[in-house]
């Protein structure tokens, strides 16, 4: 299973932003990808929240 989980790094620990479904003591592999900041842009037409969710999901799986 491959899943991307957004985390915050605080006090030398990676902390998930939301709840995750893992069993206590379960071993996982973590790949760190730094999110890029960018300047806001003006769009020519309105973008739906569904499309935004799709793009957000793609951004975590793109290489």
C-alpha atoms as a PDB file:
ATOM      1  CA  UNK A   1       0.000   0.000   0.000  1.00  0.00           C
ATOM      2  CA  UNK A   2       1.306   3.460  -0.904  1.00  0.00           C
ATOM      3  CA  UNK A   3      -0.201   6.494   0.769  1.00  0.00           C
ATOM      4  CA  UNK A   4       0.902  10.107   1.189  1.00  0.00           C
ATOM      5  CA  UNK A   5       0.375  11.710   4.594  1.00  0.00           C
ATOM      6  CA  UNK A   6       1.031  15.381   5.236  1.00  0.00           C
ATOM      7  CA  UNK A   7       3.169  15.958   8.339  1.00  0.00           C
ATOM      8  CA  UNK A   8       4.676  18.835  10.277  1.00  0.00           C
ATOM      9  CA  UNK A   9       8.227  18.631  11.635  1.00  0.00           C
ATOM     10  CA  UNK A  10       8.310  19.863  15.252  1.00  0.00           C
ATOM     11  CA  UNK A  11      10.750  19.199  18.081  1.00  0.00           C
ATOM     12  CA  UNK A  12      12.754  16.755  15.965  1.00  0.00           C
ATOM     13  CA  UNK A  13       9.623  14.627  15.278  1.00  0.00           C
ATOM     14  CA  UNK A  14       7.390  14.227  12.204  1.00  0.00           C
ATOM     15  CA  UNK A  15       3.777  14.731  13.310  1.00  0.00           C
ATOM     16  CA  UNK A  16       0.867  13.812  10.997  1.00  0.00           C
ATOM     17  CA  UNK A  17      -1.514  16.705  10.286  1.00  0.00           C
ATOM     18  CA  UNK A  18      -4.543  14.392  10.565  1.00  0.00           C
ATOM     19  CA  UNK A  19      -5.451  10.945  11.845  1.00  0.00           C
ATOM     20  CA  UNK A  20      -3.718   7.971  10.263  1.00  0.00           C
ATOM     21  CA  UNK A  21      -4.734   4.327  10.358  1.00  0.00           C
ATOM     22  CA  UNK A  22      -1.711   2.402  11.591  1.00  0.00           C
ATOM     23  CA  UNK A  23      -1.446  -0.277  14.254  1.00  0.00           C
ATOM     24  CA  UNK A  24       0.734   0.387  17.292  1.00  0.00           C
ATOM     25  CA  UNK A  25       4.287  -0.793  16.543  1.00  0.00           C
ATOM     26  CA  UNK A  26       3.626  -1.154  12.812  1.00  0.00           C
ATOM     27  CA  UNK A  27       6.709  -0.544  10.657  1.00  0.00           C
ATOM     28  CA  UNK A  28       6.428   1.821   7.701  1.00  0.00           C
ATOM     29  CA  UNK A  29       8.789   3.425   5.192  1.00  0.00           C
ATOM     30  CA  UNK A  30       8.832   7.226   5.067  1.00  0.00           C
ATOM     31  CA  UNK A  31       9.836   9.249   2.011  1.00  0.00           C
ATOM     32  CA  UNK A  32      10.268  12.965   2.621  1.00  0.00           C
ATOM     33  CA  UNK A  33       9.257  15.400  -0.105  1.00  0.00           C
ATOM     34  CA  UNK A  34       9.425  19.084   0.703  1.00  0.00           C
ATOM     35  CA  UNK A  35       6.382  21.011  -0.466  1.00  0.00           C
ATOM     36  CA  UNK A  36       7.258  23.854  -2.811  1.00  0.00           C
ATOM     37  CA  UNK A  37       5.909  27.306  -2.100  1.00  0.00           C
ATOM     38  CA  UNK A  38       4.630  29.319  -5.022  1.00  0.00           C
ATOM     39  CA  UNK A  39       3.095  32.661  -5.848  1.00  0.00           C
ATOM     40  CA  UNK A  40      -0.683  32.807  -6.339  1.00  0.00           C
ATOM     41  CA  UNK A  41      -1.844  33.192  -9.923  1.00  0.00           C
ATOM     42  CA  UNK A  42      -5.033  34.547 -11.480  1.00  0.00           C
ATOM     43  CA  UNK A  43      -7.089  31.951 -13.318  1.00  0.00           C
ATOM     44  CA  UNK A  44      -9.141  32.706 -16.417  1.00  0.00           C
ATOM     45  CA  UNK A  45     -12.063  30.544 -15.261  1.00  0.00           C
ATOM     46  CA  UNK A  46     -13.407  29.238 -11.954  1.00  0.00           C
ATOM     47  CA  UNK A  47     -11.975  25.968 -10.613  1.00  0.00           C
ATOM     48  CA  UNK A  48     -14.263  23.590  -8.680  1.00  0.00           C
ATOM     49  CA  UNK A  49     -13.298  22.216  -5.268  1.00  0.00           C
ATOM     50  CA  UNK A  50     -13.465  18.701  -6.781  1.00  0.00           C
ATOM     51  CA  UNK A  51     -10.836  19.673  -9.380  1.00  0.00           C
ATOM     52  CA  UNK A  52      -8.658  21.221  -6.660  1.00  0.00           C
ATOM     53  CA  UNK A  53      -8.850  17.965  -4.642  1.00  0.00           C
ATOM     54  CA  UNK A  54      -7.870  15.975  -7.739  1.00  0.00           C
ATOM     55  CA  UNK A  55      -4.872  18.234  -8.393  1.00  0.00           C
ATOM     56  CA  UNK A  56      -3.822  18.063  -4.737  1.00  0.00           C
ATOM     57  CA  UNK A  57      -3.900  14.243  -4.831  1.00  0.00           C
ATOM     58  CA  UNK A  58      -1.886  14.253  -8.078  1.00  0.00           C
ATOM     59  CA  UNK A  59       0.758  16.545  -6.583  1.00  0.00           C
ATOM     60  CA  UNK A  60       1.594  13.904  -3.959  1.00  0.00           C
ATOM     61  CA  UNK A  61       1.877  11.085  -6.485  1.00  0.00           C
ATOM     62  CA  UNK A  62       3.698  12.892  -9.309  1.00  0.00           C
ATOM     63  CA  UNK A  63       7.399  12.292  -9.791  1.00  0.00           C
END
